[in-house]
Amino acid sequence: MDQTNARIGEAPLPTTGELRRRRNVLVQFWRFVSTSWVMWRLAQKHH
């Protein structure tokens, strides 16, 4: 019944460029800042 392992095995693997972006500290920092900014704006709008 549980097909979790089969579904994980069929999932696409990340490309070389995607792995490079995931390891890049500047990209991680930018994503953190942009996500935090969006959450801050939402909090300010609703309070």
Protein backbone atom coordinates (compact mmCIF):
# COMPACT_ATOMS: atom_id res chain seq x y z
CA MET A 1 0.00 0.00 0.00
CA ASP A 2 2.67 2.53 0.99
CA GLN A 3 4.46 3.69 -2.16
CA THR A 4 6.66 6.32 -0.53
CA ASN A 5 9.97 4.68 -1.46
CA ALA A 6 8.86 4.18 -5.06
CA ARG A 7 7.78 7.81 -5.35
CA ILE A 8 11.06 9.06 -3.87
CA GLY A 9 12.99 6.88 -6.33
CA GLU A 10 11.10 8.40 -9.26
CA ALA A 11 11.65 12.01 -8.16
CA PRO A 12 13.92 14.11 -10.39
CA LEU A 13 17.45 14.78 -9.16
CA PRO A 14 18.66 18.38 -8.86
CA THR A 15 20.87 19.71 -11.63
CA THR A 16 24.45 20.84 -11.10
CA GLY A 17 23.36 24.47 -11.23
CA GLU A 18 20.63 23.89 -8.66
CA LEU A 19 23.10 22.22 -6.29
CA ARG A 20 25.50 25.15 -6.74
CA ARG A 21 22.73 27.64 -5.89
CA ARG A 22 21.73 25.64 -2.81
CA ARG A 23 25.32 25.73 -1.51
CA ASN A 24 25.92 29.40 -2.30
CA VAL A 25 25.90 31.47 0.91
CA LEU A 26 24.93 34.69 -0.89
CA VAL A 27 21.93 33.03 -2.51
CA GLN A 28 20.87 31.57 0.84
CA PHE A 29 21.25 34.97 2.50
CA TRP A 30 19.21 36.70 -0.23
CA ARG A 31 16.42 34.13 0.05
CA PHE A 32 16.39 34.54 3.84
CA VAL A 33 16.19 38.33 3.57
CA SER A 34 13.46 38.26 0.93
CA THR A 35 11.37 35.73 2.87
CA SER A 36 11.81 37.68 6.10
CA TRP A 37 10.83 40.91 4.34
CA VAL A 38 7.63 39.36 3.00
CA MET A 39 6.71 37.98 6.43
CA TRP A 40 7.45 41.35 8.07
CA ARG A 41 5.22 43.15 5.55
CA LEU A 42 2.40 40.67 6.15
CA ALA A 43 2.71 41.11 9.91
CA GLN A 44 2.65 44.90 9.59
CA LYS A 45 -0.37 44.82 7.31
CA HIS A 46 -2.43 42.66 9.68
CA HIS A 47 -1.55 44.38 12.96
